[in-house]
């Protein structure tokens, strides 16, 4: 019997030590404010422009036979970084910082999506106006 009491106490102490160690390991990791913090509006702009660039890339705008291919996707990204005074690391830091506050990040992405939808609407309107102008001259776009 004395051995089982020792065994029971040892098991309790071991469980307490394991739980304490687990709790200490689950500390909240606070992400510090980046040195160059983009405002939510600037962050939405950057996300919007990067998404637009990705769409262009997926549509083949950077294929070998296009004007974009001569300029290069990298040049567009570098211009974006210059315009906002950031680099890849600063953008990643801002993304991590804003992702810590999910509600703020959702607002930023919602704003970026709204801007992309607005751009898409403007492009559709331009395409319709262009088709109308061609039809009035008797020319037609191939389907």
Protein backbone atom coordinates (compact mmCIF):
# COMPACT_ATOMS: atom_id res chain seq x y z
CA UNK A 1 0.00 0.00 0.00
CA UNK A 2 2.67 2.58 0.76
CA UNK A 3 4.00 2.18 -2.75
CA UNK A 4 0.61 2.90 -4.32
CA UNK A 5 0.23 6.11 -2.27
CA UNK A 6 3.64 7.26 -3.50
CA UNK A 7 2.72 6.28 -7.03
CA UNK A 8 -0.57 8.23 -6.81
CA UNK A 9 1.16 11.35 -5.42
CA UNK A 10 3.89 11.09 -8.04
CA UNK A 11 1.27 10.81 -10.80
CA UNK A 12 -0.54 13.90 -9.51
CA UNK A 13 2.66 15.94 -9.28
CA UNK A 14 3.72 14.78 -12.74
CA UNK A 15 0.32 15.71 -14.17
CA UNK A 16 0.54 19.14 -12.52
CA UNK A 17 4.04 19.72 -13.95
CA UNK A 18 2.93 18.65 -17.44
CA UNK A 19 -0.15 20.90 -17.32
CA UNK A 20 1.92 23.84 -16.07
CA UNK A 21 4.48 23.32 -18.83
CA UNK A 22 1.71 23.06 -21.43
CA UNK A 23 0.07 26.25 -20.16
CA UNK A 24 3.39 28.10 -20.26
CA UNK A 25 3.95 26.91 -23.83
CA UNK A 26 0.58 28.23 -24.95
CA UNK A 27 1.40 31.83 -24.22
CA UNK A 28 -0.04 34.47 -26.43
CA UNK A 29 2.57 35.69 -28.91
CA UNK A 30 2.08 39.42 -29.34
CA UNK A 31 3.10 40.70 -32.75
CA UNK A 32 4.82 44.03 -32.42
CA UNK A 33 3.75 47.03 -34.45
CA UNK A 34 5.91 47.25 -37.60
CA UNK A 35 8.27 50.18 -37.93
CA UNK A 36 6.50 51.18 -41.17
CA UNK A 37 2.82 50.51 -40.49
CA UNK A 38 0.52 50.92 -43.46
CA UNK A 39 -2.84 52.47 -42.70
CA UNK A 40 -5.84 50.20 -43.29
CA UNK A 41 -6.63 52.22 -46.43
CA UNK A 42 -3.06 51.81 -47.76
CA UNK A 43 -3.13 48.10 -46.91
CA UNK A 44 -6.38 47.71 -48.86
CA UNK A 45 -4.77 49.52 -51.82
CA UNK A 46 -1.74 47.23 -51.75
CA UNK A 47 -3.89 44.08 -51.48
CA UNK A 48 -6.10 45.33 -54.31
CA UNK A 49 -3.16 46.07 -56.60
CA UNK A 50 -1.47 42.74 -55.85
CA UNK A 51 -4.72 40.90 -56.56
CA UNK A 52 -5.15 42.82 -59.82
CA UNK A 53 -1.60 41.93 -60.79
CA UNK A 54 -2.30 38.28 -60.03
CA UNK A 55 -5.40 38.37 -62.25
CA UNK A 56 -3.35 39.88 -65.07
CA UNK A 57 -0.79 37.13 -64.63
CA UNK A 58 -3.46 34.41 -64.65
CA UNK A 59 -5.00 35.86 -67.80
CA UNK A 60 -1.64 35.60 -69.54
CA UNK A 61 -0.78 39.29 -69.62
CA UNK A 62 2.85 38.43 -68.92
CA UNK A 63 3.16 35.92 -71.77
CA UNK A 64 6.16 36.24 -74.05
CA UNK A 65 4.28 38.04 -76.84
CA UNK A 66 2.79 40.84 -74.73
CA UNK A 67 3.96 44.31 -73.81
CA UNK A 68 3.72 43.37 -70.15
CA UNK A 69 6.30 40.61 -70.66
CA UNK A 70 8.90 43.18 -71.70
CA UNK A 71 8.24 45.26 -68.61
CA UNK A 72 7.95 42.25 -66.34
CA UNK A 73 5.81 41.40 -63.36
CA UNK A 74 8.71 42.17 -61.03
CA UNK A 75 8.81 45.79 -62.25
CA UNK A 76 5.14 46.25 -61.34
CA UNK A 77 5.73 44.86 -57.85
CA UNK A 78 8.81 47.04 -57.37
CA UNK A 79 6.83 50.12 -58.42
CA UNK A 80 4.12 49.20 -55.92
CA UNK A 81 6.74 48.90 -53.18
CA UNK A 82 8.28 52.26 -54.16
CA UNK A 83 4.89 53.98 -54.21
CA UNK A 84 4.16 52.91 -50.64
CA UNK A 85 7.74 53.04 -49.31
CA UNK A 86 7.76 49.37 -48.39
CA UNK A 87 9.45 46.12 -49.33
CA UNK A 88 8.46 42.47 -49.15
CA UNK A 89 9.45 42.13 -45.48
CA UNK A 90 7.51 45.23 -44.44
CA UNK A 91 4.45 43.98 -46.31
CA UNK A 92 4.71 40.61 -44.53
CA UNK A 93 5.09 42.36 -41.15
CA UNK A 94 2.01 44.49 -41.85
CA UNK A 95 0.07 41.43 -42.94
CA UNK A 96 1.00 39.60 -39.73
CA UNK A 97 0.21 42.66 -37.62
CA UNK A 98 -3.24 43.16 -39.15
CA UNK A 99 -4.02 39.43 -39.12
CA UNK A 100 -3.68 39.51 -35.33
CA UNK A 101 -6.89 41.57 -35.27
CA UNK A 102 -9.21 39.50 -37.44
CA UNK A 103 -12.03 42.04 -37.54
CA UNK A 104 -9.74 44.79 -38.81
CA UNK A 105 -8.22 42.44 -41.39
CA UNK A 106 -11.67 41.39 -42.62
CA UNK A 107 -12.56 45.09 -43.05
CA UNK A 108 -9.34 45.65 -45.02
CA UNK A 109 -9.99 42.68 -47.30
CA UNK A 110 -13.64 43.68 -47.75
CA UNK A 111 -12.52 47.14 -48.84
CA UNK A 112 -9.99 45.60 -51.25
CA UNK A 113 -12.70 43.33 -52.72
CA UNK A 114 -15.04 46.31 -53.12
CA UNK A 115 -12.33 48.21 -54.98
CA UNK A 116 -11.67 45.22 -57.23
CA UNK A 117 -15.38 44.90 -57.98
CA UNK A 118 -15.49 48.59 -58.83
CA UNK A 119 -12.52 48.15 -61.18
CA UNK A 120 -14.21 45.15 -62.79
CA UNK A 121 -17.38 47.19 -63.31
CA UNK A 122 -15.40 50.00 -64.92
CA UNK A 123 -13.65 47.51 -67.23
CA UNK A 124 -16.99 45.97 -68.26
CA UNK A 125 -18.38 49.44 -68.99
CA UNK A 126 -15.32 50.29 -71.11
CA UNK A 127 -15.68 47.02 -73.01
CA UNK A 128 -19.39 47.64 -73.68
CA UNK A 129 -18.68 51.21 -74.82
CA UNK A 130 -15.91 49.91 -77.09
CA UNK A 131 -18.21 47.27 -78.59
CA UNK A 132 -20.93 49.89 -79.13
CA UNK A 133 -18.46 52.19 -80.86
CA UNK A 134 -17.28 49.35 -83.10
CA UNK A 135 -20.83 48.31 -83.96
CA UNK A 136 -21.71 51.87 -84.93
CA UNK A 137 -18.85 51.83 -87.45
CA UNK A 138 -19.92 48.46 -88.88
CA UNK A 139 -17.01 46.54 -87.43
CA UNK A 140 -17.50 43.71 -84.96
CA UNK A 141 -15.28 42.00 -82.43
CA UNK A 142 -14.72 38.29 -82.91
CA UNK A 143 -16.55 36.19 -80.29
